[in-house]
PDB file of N, CA and C in Angstrom:
ATOM      1  N   UNK A   1     110.717  84.994  91.997  1.00  0.00           N
ATOM      2  CA  UNK A   1     109.809  86.046  93.054  1.00  0.00           C
ATOM      3  C   UNK A   1     109.984  87.432  92.869  1.00  0.00           C
ATOM      4  N   UNK A   2     109.439  88.530  93.011  1.00  0.00           N
ATOM      5  CA  UNK A   2     109.327  89.956  92.521  1.00  0.00           C
ATOM      6  C   UNK A   2     109.519  90.407  93.906  1.00  0.00           C
ATOM      7  N   UNK A   3     110.552  90.937  94.228  1.00  0.00           N
ATOM      8  CA  UNK A   3     110.756  91.658  95.568  1.00  0.00           C
ATOM      9  C   UNK A   3     109.895  92.859  95.342  1.00  0.00           C
ATOM     10  N   UNK A   4     109.466  93.340  96.701  1.00  0.00           N
ATOM     11  CA  UNK A   4     108.843  94.573  96.864  1.00  0.00           C
ATOM     12  C   UNK A   4     109.390  95.747  97.530  1.00  0.00           C
ATOM     13  N   UNK A   5     108.988  97.167  97.193  1.00  0.00           N
ATOM     14  CA  UNK A   5     109.409  98.291  98.082  1.00  0.00           C
ATOM     15  C   UNK A   5     109.053  98.311  99.044  1.00  0.00           C
ATOM     16  N   UNK A   6     110.583  98.701 100.068  1.00  0.00           N
ATOM     17  CA  UNK A   6     109.877  98.947 101.463  1.00  0.00           C
ATOM     18  C   UNK A   6     108.815 100.271 101.682  1.00  0.00           C
ATOM     19  N   UNK A   7     107.721 100.294 101.886  1.00  0.00           N
ATOM     20  CA  UNK A   7     106.716 101.064 102.033  1.00  0.00           C
ATOM     21  C   UNK A   7     107.147 102.068 103.313  1.00  0.00           C
ATOM     22  N   UNK A   8     108.200 101.849 103.803  1.00  0.00           N
ATOM     23  CA  UNK A   8     108.297 103.052 105.136  1.00  0.00           C
ATOM     24  C   UNK A   8     109.301 103.933 104.027  1.00  0.00           C
ATOM     25  N   UNK A   9     110.208 103.582 103.592  1.00  0.00           N
ATOM     26  CA  UNK A   9     111.030 104.441 102.485  1.00  0.00           C
ATOM     27  C   UNK A   9     110.513 105.352 101.608  1.00  0.00           C
ATOM     28  N   UNK A  10     109.296 105.030 101.212  1.00  0.00           N
ATOM     29  CA  UNK A  10     108.630 105.938 100.426  1.00  0.00           C
ATOM     30  C   UNK A  10     107.777 107.406 100.908  1.00  0.00           C
ATOM     31  N   UNK A  11     108.187 108.193 100.230  1.00  0.00           N
ATOM     32  CA  UNK A  11     107.518 109.720 100.450  1.00  0.00           C
ATOM     33  C   UNK A  11     106.706 110.208  99.345  1.00  0.00           C
ATOM     34  N   UNK A  12     105.828 111.408  99.427  1.00  0.00           N
ATOM     35  CA  UNK A  12     105.098 111.843  98.838  1.00  0.00           C
ATOM     36  C   UNK A  12     105.754 112.239  97.414  1.00  0.00           C
ATOM     37  N   UNK A  13     107.327 112.757  97.552  1.00  0.00           N
ATOM     38  CA  UNK A  13     108.107 112.999  95.817  1.00  0.00           C
ATOM     39  C   UNK A  13     108.318 112.028  95.352  1.00  0.00           C
ATOM     40  N   UNK A  14     108.239 110.572  95.901  1.00  0.00           N
ATOM     41  CA  UNK A  14     108.312 109.340  94.988  1.00  0.00           C
ATOM     42  C   UNK A  14     107.217 109.300  94.060  1.00  0.00           C
ATOM     43  N   UNK A  15     105.740 109.470  94.410  1.00  0.00           N
ATOM     44  CA  UNK A  15     104.351 109.540  93.961  1.00  0.00           C
ATOM     45  C   UNK A  15     104.209 110.626  92.982  1.00  0.00           C
ATOM     46  N   UNK A  16     104.283 112.056  93.219  1.00  0.00           N
ATOM     47  CA  UNK A  16     103.748 112.905  92.691  1.00  0.00           C
ATOM     48  C   UNK A  16     104.414 113.154  91.056  1.00  0.00           C
ATOM     49  N   UNK A  17     105.682 112.576  90.716  1.00  0.00           N
ATOM     50  CA  UNK A  17     105.754 112.509  89.436  1.00  0.00           C
ATOM     51  C   UNK A  17     105.335 111.701  88.524  1.00  0.00           C
ATOM     52  N   UNK A  18     104.331 110.665  89.283  1.00  0.00           N
ATOM     53  CA  UNK A  18     103.484 109.881  88.637  1.00  0.00           C
ATOM     54  C   UNK A  18     102.428 109.963  88.464  1.00  0.00           C
ATOM     55  N   UNK A  19     101.523 110.807  88.983  1.00  0.00           N
ATOM     56  CA  UNK A  19     100.307 111.088  88.985  1.00  0.00           C
ATOM     57  C   UNK A  19      99.910 111.068  87.223  1.00  0.00           C
ATOM     58  N   UNK A  20      98.455 110.821  87.173  1.00  0.00           N
ATOM     59  CA  UNK A  20      98.217 110.329  85.747  1.00  0.00           C
ATOM     60  C   UNK A  20      98.802 109.279  85.269  1.00  0.00           C
ATOM     61  N   UNK A  21      99.476 108.683  86.042  1.00  0.00           N
ATOM     62  CA  UNK A  21     100.382 107.427  85.215  1.00  0.00           C
ATOM     63  C   UNK A  21      99.505 106.085  85.455  1.00  0.00           C
ATOM     64  N   UNK A  22      99.588 105.360  84.833  1.00  0.00           N
ATOM     65  CA  UNK A  22      98.922 103.938  85.053  1.00  0.00           C
ATOM     66  C   UNK A  22      99.736 102.799  85.613  1.00  0.00           C
ATOM     67  N   UNK A  23      99.197 102.428  86.961  1.00  0.00           N
ATOM     68  CA  UNK A  23      99.993 101.172  87.953  1.00  0.00           C
ATOM     69  C   UNK A  23      98.932  99.928  87.196  1.00  0.00           C
ATOM     70  N   UNK A  24      99.591  98.966  87.768  1.00  0.00           N
ATOM     71  CA  UNK A  24      98.903  97.554  87.735  1.00  0.00           C
ATOM     72  C   UNK A  24      98.805  96.911  89.179  1.00  0.00           C
ATOM     73  N   UNK A  25      97.287  96.784  89.542  1.00  0.00           N
ATOM     74  CA  UNK A  25      96.984  96.144  90.696  1.00  0.00           C
ATOM     75  C   UNK A  25      96.758  94.393  90.654  1.00  0.00           C
ATOM     76  N   UNK A  26      96.887  93.534  91.377  1.00  0.00           N
ATOM     77  CA  UNK A  26      96.963  92.310  90.956  1.00  0.00           C
ATOM     78  C   UNK A  26      95.941  91.985  91.657  1.00  0.00           C
ATOM     79  N   UNK A  27      94.554  91.749  91.219  1.00  0.00           N
ATOM     80  CA  UNK A  27      93.440  90.872  91.774  1.00  0.00           C
ATOM     81  C   UNK A  27      93.303  89.418  92.118  1.00  0.00           C
ATOM     82  N   UNK A  28      92.497  88.977  92.574  1.00  0.00           N
ATOM     83  CA  UNK A  28      92.976  87.459  93.004  1.00  0.00           C
ATOM     84  C   UNK A  28      92.863  86.894  91.673  1.00  0.00           C
ATOM     85  N   UNK A  29      92.443  87.048  90.509  1.00  0.00           N
ATOM     86  CA  UNK A  29      92.459  86.295  89.145  1.00  0.00           C
ATOM     87  C   UNK A  29      92.711  86.734  87.854  1.00  0.00           C
ATOM     88  N   UNK A  30      92.841  88.284  88.169  1.00  0.00           N
ATOM     89  CA  UNK A  30      92.967  89.223  86.733  1.00  0.00           C
ATOM     90  C   UNK A  30      94.224  90.470  87.533  1.00  0.00           C
ATOM     91  N   UNK A  31      94.585  90.920  86.560  1.00  0.00           N
ATOM     92  CA  UNK A  31      95.292  92.646  86.806  1.00  0.00           C
ATOM     93  C   UNK A  31      94.376  93.747  86.309  1.00  0.00           C
ATOM     94  N   UNK A  32      94.476  94.484  87.151  1.00  0.00           N
ATOM     95  CA  UNK A  32      93.278  96.050  87.274  1.00  0.00           C
ATOM     96  C   UNK A  32      94.093  96.992  86.875  1.00  0.00           C
ATOM     97  N   UNK A  33      94.007  97.835  85.563  1.00  0.00           N
ATOM     98  CA  UNK A  33      94.423  98.988  85.521  1.00  0.00           C
ATOM     99  C   UNK A  33      94.105 100.276  86.378  1.00  0.00           C
ATOM    100  N   UNK A  34      95.064 100.765  86.974  1.00  0.00           N
ATOM    101  CA  UNK A  34      94.577 101.760  87.895  1.00  0.00           C
ATOM    102  C   UNK A  34      95.495 103.256  87.265  1.00  0.00           C
ATOM    103  N   UNK A  35      94.696 104.155  87.765  1.00  0.00           N
ATOM    104  CA  UNK A  35      95.625 105.521  87.454  1.00  0.00           C
ATOM    105  C   UNK A  35      95.689 105.945  88.856  1.00  0.00           C
ATOM    106  N   UNK A  36      96.853 106.481  88.622  1.00  0.00           N
ATOM    107  CA  UNK A  36      96.806 107.454  90.007  1.00  0.00           C
ATOM    108  C   UNK A  36      96.322 109.034  89.604  1.00  0.00           C
ATOM    109  N   UNK A  37      95.399 109.326  89.999  1.00  0.00           N
ATOM    110  CA  UNK A  37      94.500 110.219  89.984  1.00  0.00           C
ATOM    111  C   UNK A  37      95.115 111.556  90.952  1.00  0.00           C
ATOM    112  N   UNK A  38      95.175 111.034  92.457  1.00  0.00           N
ATOM    113  CA  UNK A  38      95.633 112.319  93.058  1.00  0.00           C
ATOM    114  C   UNK A  38      96.350 112.005  94.040  1.00  0.00           C
ATOM    115  N   UNK A  39      97.416 112.629  94.605  1.00  0.00           N
ATOM    116  CA  UNK A  39      98.815 112.729  95.276  1.00  0.00           C
ATOM    117  C   UNK A  39      98.540 113.795  95.922  1.00  0.00           C
ATOM    118  N   UNK A  40      97.914 113.170  97.764  1.00  0.00           N
ATOM    119  CA  UNK A  40      97.894 114.628  98.474  1.00  0.00           C
ATOM    120  C   UNK A  40      98.608 114.544  99.820  1.00  0.00           C
ATOM    121  N   UNK A  41      99.555 115.481 100.444  1.00  0.00           N
ATOM    122  CA  UNK A  41      99.979 115.490 102.094  1.00  0.00           C
ATOM    123  C   UNK A  41      98.845 114.747 102.872  1.00  0.00           C
ATOM    124  N   UNK A  42      99.161 114.539 104.024  1.00  0.00           N
ATOM    125  CA  UNK A  42      97.790 114.009 104.944  1.00  0.00           C
ATOM    126  C   UNK A  42      98.298 114.356 106.182  1.00  0.00           C
ATOM    127  N   UNK A  43      98.993 115.726 106.576  1.00  0.00           N
ATOM    128  CA  UNK A  43      99.478 116.059 107.757  1.00  0.00           C
ATOM    129  C   UNK A  43     100.889 115.469 108.263  1.00  0.00           C
ATOM    130  N   UNK A  44     100.944 116.004 109.406  1.00  0.00           N
ATOM    131  CA  UNK A  44     102.323 115.219 110.242  1.00  0.00           C
ATOM    132  C   UNK A  44     102.080 114.408 110.472  1.00  0.00           C
ATOM    133  N   UNK A  45     103.092 113.244 110.631  1.00  0.00           N
ATOM    134  CA  UNK A  45     103.174 112.180 111.236  1.00  0.00           C
ATOM    135  C   UNK A  45     104.700 111.475 111.468  1.00  0.00           C
ATOM    136  N   UNK A  46     104.791 110.516 112.289  1.00  0.00           N
ATOM    137  CA  UNK A  46     106.189 110.285 112.453  1.00  0.00           C
ATOM    138  C   UNK A  46     106.930 109.852 110.909  1.00  0.00           C
ATOM    139  N   UNK A  47     106.209 109.490 109.750  1.00  0.00           N
ATOM    140  CA  UNK A  47     106.911 109.306 108.559  1.00  0.00           C
ATOM    141  C   UNK A  47     107.607 110.270 108.242  1.00  0.00           C
ATOM    142  N   UNK A  48     108.742 109.639 107.855  1.00  0.00           N
ATOM    143  CA  UNK A  48     109.892 110.793 107.134  1.00  0.00           C
ATOM    144  C   UNK A  48     108.888 111.584 105.748  1.00  0.00           C
ATOM    145  N   UNK A  49     108.762 113.003 105.964  1.00  0.00           N
ATOM    146  CA  UNK A  49     108.464 113.401 104.880  1.00  0.00           C
ATOM    147  C   UNK A  49     106.902 113.754 104.915  1.00  0.00           C
ATOM    148  N   UNK A  50     106.246 113.773 106.177  1.00  0.00           N
ATOM    149  CA  UNK A  50     105.367 113.293 106.395  1.00  0.00           C
ATOM    150  C   UNK A  50     103.923 112.378 105.876  1.00  0.00           C
ATOM    151  N   UNK A  51     102.949 112.462 106.541  1.00  0.00           N
ATOM    152  CA  UNK A  51     101.765 111.626 105.783  1.00  0.00           C
ATOM    153  C   UNK A  51     101.244 111.618 104.503  1.00  0.00           C
ATOM    154  N   UNK A  52     100.676 110.817 104.002  1.00  0.00           N
ATOM    155  CA  UNK A  52      99.978 111.447 102.229  1.00  0.00           C
ATOM    156  C   UNK A  52      99.043 110.251 101.930  1.00  0.00           C
ATOM    157  N   UNK A  53      98.339 110.915 100.916  1.00  0.00           N
ATOM    158  CA  UNK A  53      97.461 109.777 100.233  1.00  0.00           C
ATOM    159  C   UNK A  53      97.166 109.648  98.947  1.00  0.00           C
ATOM    160  N   UNK A  54      97.209 108.636  98.500  1.00  0.00           N
ATOM    161  CA  UNK A  54      96.920 108.286  97.044  1.00  0.00           C
ATOM    162  C   UNK A  54      95.738 108.103  96.552  1.00  0.00           C
ATOM    163  N   UNK A  55      95.028 108.505  95.306  1.00  0.00           N
ATOM    164  CA  UNK A  55      93.654 108.262  95.019  1.00  0.00           C
ATOM    165  C   UNK A  55      94.032 107.376  94.021  1.00  0.00           C
ATOM    166  N   UNK A  56      93.466 106.388  93.578  1.00  0.00           N
ATOM    167  CA  UNK A  56      93.559 105.407  92.266  1.00  0.00           C
ATOM    168  C   UNK A  56      92.044 105.682  91.360  1.00  0.00           C
ATOM    169  N   UNK A  57      92.121 105.857  90.350  1.00  0.00           N
ATOM    170  CA  UNK A  57      90.730 105.326  89.723  1.00  0.00           C
ATOM    171  C   UNK A  57      90.995 103.869  88.792  1.00  0.00           C
ATOM    172  N   UNK A  58      89.895 103.302  89.280  1.00  0.00           N
ATOM    173  CA  UNK A  58      89.889 101.859  88.418  1.00  0.00           C
ATOM    174  C   UNK A  58      88.704 101.774  87.584  1.00  0.00           C
ATOM    175  N   UNK A  59      88.596 100.736  86.848  1.00  0.00           N
ATOM    176  CA  UNK A  59      87.635 100.689  85.694  1.00  0.00           C
ATOM    177  C   UNK A  59      86.531 100.857  86.551  1.00  0.00           C
ATOM    178  N   UNK A  60      85.425 100.920  85.872  1.00  0.00           N
ATOM    179  CA  UNK A  60      83.826 101.051  86.101  1.00  0.00           C
ATOM    180  C   UNK A  60      83.461  99.664  86.269  1.00  0.00           C
ATOM    181  N   UNK A  61      82.465  99.312  87.346  1.00  0.00           N
ATOM    182  CA  UNK A  61      82.325  98.111  87.087  1.00  0.00           C
ATOM    183  C   UNK A  61      82.139  97.223  88.479  1.00  0.00           C
ATOM    184  N   UNK A  62      82.294  95.929  88.733  1.00  0.00           N
ATOM    185  CA  UNK A  62      82.446  95.511  89.996  1.00  0.00           C
ATOM    186  C   UNK A  62      83.495  96.061  91.147  1.00  0.00           C
ATOM    187  N   UNK A  63      83.076  96.600  92.444  1.00  0.00           N
ATOM    188  CA  UNK A  63      84.286  96.804  93.066  1.00  0.00           C
ATOM    189  C   UNK A  63      85.208  95.477  93.819  1.00  0.00           C
ATOM    190  N   UNK A  64      86.509  96.002  93.919  1.00  0.00           N
ATOM    191  CA  UNK A  64      86.871  95.451  94.616  1.00  0.00           C
ATOM    192  C   UNK A  64      86.881  95.230  96.149  1.00  0.00           C
ATOM    193  N   UNK A  65      86.866  94.393  97.134  1.00  0.00           N
ATOM    194  CA  UNK A  65      87.282  94.709  98.333  1.00  0.00           C
ATOM    195  C   UNK A  65      88.310  95.332  99.263  1.00  0.00           C
ATOM    196  N   UNK A  66      88.449  95.813 100.114  1.00  0.00           N
ATOM    197  CA  UNK A  66      89.660  96.702 100.420  1.00  0.00           C
ATOM    198  C   UNK A  66      90.247  95.375 101.045  1.00  0.00           C
ATOM    199  N   UNK A  67      91.755  95.517 100.984  1.00  0.00           N
ATOM    200  CA  UNK A  67      92.439  94.472 100.872  1.00  0.00           C
ATOM    201  C   UNK A  67      94.116  95.081 100.819  1.00  0.00           C
ATOM    202  N   UNK A  68      95.239  94.451 100.843  1.00  0.00           N
ATOM    203  CA  UNK A  68      96.426  94.325 100.476  1.00  0.00           C
ATOM    204  C   UNK A  68      96.627  93.802  99.148  1.00  0.00           C
ATOM    205  N   UNK A  69      96.916  94.647  98.347  1.00  0.00           N
ATOM    206  CA  UNK A  69      97.049  94.431  96.816  1.00  0.00           C
ATOM    207  C   UNK A  69      98.473  94.643  96.408  1.00  0.00           C
ATOM    208  N   UNK A  70      99.034  93.919  95.342  1.00  0.00           N
ATOM    209  CA  UNK A  70     100.364  93.842  94.798  1.00  0.00           C
ATOM    210  C   UNK A  70      99.951  95.041  93.753  1.00  0.00           C
ATOM    211  N   UNK A  71     100.797  96.144  93.792  1.00  0.00           N
ATOM    212  CA  UNK A  71     100.531  97.174  92.929  1.00  0.00           C
ATOM    213  C   UNK A  71     101.803  97.695  91.864  1.00  0.00           C
ATOM    214  N   UNK A  72     101.977  97.265  90.999  1.00  0.00           N
ATOM    215  CA  UNK A  72     103.503  97.753  90.079  1.00  0.00           C
ATOM    216  C   UNK A  72     103.384  99.024  89.157  1.00  0.00           C
ATOM    217  N   UNK A  73     104.169  99.587  89.322  1.00  0.00           N
ATOM    218  CA  UNK A  73     104.667 100.595  88.491  1.00  0.00           C
ATOM    219  C   UNK A  73     106.308 100.436  87.975  1.00  0.00           C
ATOM    220  N   UNK A  74     106.240 100.791  86.517  1.00  0.00           N
ATOM    221  CA  UNK A  74     107.694 100.842  86.071  1.00  0.00           C
ATOM    222  C   UNK A  74     108.856 101.630  86.672  1.00  0.00           C
ATOM    223  N   UNK A  75     108.658 102.643  87.008  1.00  0.00           N
ATOM    224  CA  UNK A  75     109.458 103.028  87.724  1.00  0.00           C
ATOM    225  C   UNK A  75     109.865 102.939  89.454  1.00  0.00           C
ATOM    226  N   UNK A  76     108.570 102.717  90.040  1.00  0.00           N
ATOM    227  CA  UNK A  76     108.684 102.526  91.220  1.00  0.00           C
ATOM    228  C   UNK A  76     108.745 100.909  91.457  1.00  0.00           C
ATOM    229  N   UNK A  77     108.458 100.142  90.960  1.00  0.00           N
ATOM    230  CA  UNK A  77     108.274  98.479  91.055  1.00  0.00           C
ATOM    231  C   UNK A  77     107.303  98.149  91.664  1.00  0.00           C
ATOM    232  N   UNK A  78     107.516  97.246  92.863  1.00  0.00           N
ATOM    233  CA  UNK A  78     106.192  96.423  92.847  1.00  0.00           C
ATOM    234  C   UNK A  78     105.718  96.872  94.569  1.00  0.00           C
ATOM    235  N   UNK A  79     104.759  96.927  94.710  1.00  0.00           N
ATOM    236  CA  UNK A  79     104.546  97.560  96.309  1.00  0.00           C
ATOM    237  C   UNK A  79     103.351  96.717  96.467  1.00  0.00           C
ATOM    238  N   UNK A  80     103.028  96.720  98.035  1.00  0.00           N
ATOM    239  CA  UNK A  80     102.210  95.646  98.935  1.00  0.00           C
ATOM    240  C   UNK A  80     101.125  97.029  99.477  1.00  0.00           C
ATOM    241  N   UNK A  81     100.049  97.183  98.926  1.00  0.00           N
ATOM    242  CA  UNK A  81      99.515  98.425  99.231  1.00  0.00           C
ATOM    243  C   UNK A  81      97.996  97.946 100.243  1.00  0.00           C
ATOM    244  N   UNK A  82      97.634  98.986 101.150  1.00  0.00           N
ATOM    245  CA  UNK A  82      96.238  98.727 101.442  1.00  0.00           C
ATOM    246  C   UNK A  82      95.283  99.276 100.975  1.00  0.00           C
ATOM    247  N   UNK A  83      94.604  98.775  99.891  1.00  0.00           N
ATOM    248  CA  UNK A  83      93.595  99.693  99.450  1.00  0.00           C
ATOM    249  C   UNK A  83      92.164  99.804  99.532  1.00  0.00           C
ATOM    250  N   UNK A  84      91.672 100.906  99.555  1.00  0.00           N
ATOM    251  CA  UNK A  84      90.117 100.580 100.339  1.00  0.00           C
ATOM    252  C   UNK A  84      89.401 101.483  98.946  1.00  0.00           C
ATOM    253  N   UNK A  85      88.579 100.748  98.617  1.00  0.00           N
ATOM    254  CA  UNK A  85      87.650 101.576  97.864  1.00  0.00           C
ATOM    255  C   UNK A  85      86.844 102.661  98.352  1.00  0.00           C
ATOM    256  N   UNK A  86      86.704 103.662  97.689  1.00  0.00           N
ATOM    257  CA  UNK A  86      86.127 105.016  98.486  1.00  0.00           C
ATOM    258  C   UNK A  86      84.972 105.625  97.683  1.00  0.00           C
ATOM    259  N   UNK A  87      84.574 104.886  96.356  1.00  0.00           N
ATOM    260  CA  UNK A  87      82.869 105.750  95.769  1.00  0.00           C
ATOM    261  C   UNK A  87      83.377 105.952  94.525  1.00  0.00           C
ATOM    262  N   UNK A  88      82.699 106.149  93.501  1.00  0.00           N
ATOM    263  CA  UNK A  88      82.989 106.537  92.346  1.00  0.00           C
ATOM    264  C   UNK A  88      83.771 107.917  92.253  1.00  0.00           C
ATOM    265  N   UNK A  89      84.732 107.714  91.062  1.00  0.00           N
ATOM    266  CA  UNK A  89      85.511 108.872  91.017  1.00  0.00           C
ATOM    267  C   UNK A  89      85.325 109.219  89.247  1.00  0.00           C
ATOM    268  N   UNK A  90      85.584 110.372  89.046  1.00  0.00           N
ATOM    269  CA  UNK A  90      85.119 110.644  87.456  1.00  0.00           C
ATOM    270  C   UNK A  90      85.420 109.628  86.542  1.00  0.00           C
ATOM    271  N   UNK A  91      86.741 108.855  86.651  1.00  0.00           N
ATOM    272  CA  UNK A  91      87.152 108.033  85.747  1.00  0.00           C
ATOM    273  C   UNK A  91      86.896 107.062  85.944  1.00  0.00           C
ATOM    274  N   UNK A  92      85.958 106.423  86.972  1.00  0.00           N
ATOM    275  CA  UNK A  92      85.552 104.828  87.229  1.00  0.00           C
ATOM    276  C   UNK A  92      85.337 104.699  89.058  1.00  0.00           C
ATOM    277  N   UNK A  93      85.740 103.444  89.266  1.00  0.00           N
ATOM    278  CA  UNK A  93      85.894 103.048  90.471  1.00  0.00           C
ATOM    279  C   UNK A  93      87.454 103.694  91.703  1.00  0.00           C
ATOM    280  N   UNK A  94      86.800 104.441  92.741  1.00  0.00           N
ATOM    281  CA  UNK A  94      87.840 104.967  93.297  1.00  0.00           C
ATOM    282  C   UNK A  94      88.583 104.071  94.315  1.00  0.00           C
ATOM    283  N   UNK A  95      89.750 104.057  94.713  1.00  0.00           N
ATOM    284  CA  UNK A  95      90.437 103.353  95.888  1.00  0.00           C
ATOM    285  C   UNK A  95      91.706 104.262  96.185  1.00  0.00           C
ATOM    286  N   UNK A  96      91.820 104.062  97.459  1.00  0.00           N
ATOM    287  CA  UNK A  96      92.580 104.940  98.217  1.00  0.00           C
ATOM    288  C   UNK A  96      93.473 104.328  98.939  1.00  0.00           C
ATOM    289  N   UNK A  97      94.710 105.045  99.167  1.00  0.00           N
ATOM    290  CA  UNK A  97      95.838 104.596 100.010  1.00  0.00           C
ATOM    291  C   UNK A  97      96.371 105.513 101.322  1.00  0.00           C
ATOM    292  N   UNK A  98      96.909 105.456 102.117  1.00  0.00           N
ATOM    293  CA  UNK A  98      97.103 106.335 103.357  1.00  0.00           C
ATOM    294  C   UNK A  98      98.357 105.970 103.524  1.00  0.00           C
ATOM    295  N   UNK A  99      99.278 106.622 103.730  1.00  0.00           N
ATOM    296  CA  UNK A  99     100.502 106.345 104.186  1.00  0.00           C
ATOM    297  C   UNK A  99     101.146 107.157 105.227  1.00  0.00           C
ATOM    298  N   UNK A 100     100.737 106.751 106.708  1.00  0.00           N
ATOM    299  CA  UNK A 100     100.939 107.540 107.856  1.00  0.00           C
ATOM    300  C   UNK A 100     102.372 107.010 108.766  1.00  0.00           C
TER     301      UNK A 100
END
């Protein structure tokens, strides 16, 4: 079993160097390649370093529903992230995660 990263410990600076990098999202029966298209601050919160938003671009085609997905990156490890489809983006289907 693969251990997952503690989401409460992640900060915007953990993701900023990986903008435009590929992440792998585990869907029900296949792996989906996601590109981290944008990393943005999302205001103040009780979270150390503040809230932030991640925008991922997935392949064009059928949308995956909003859900918690296992997302893997070679440097960051495995994360269980709630992703919400937000509409088309330049490179495909957009999915957003907000850390508050």
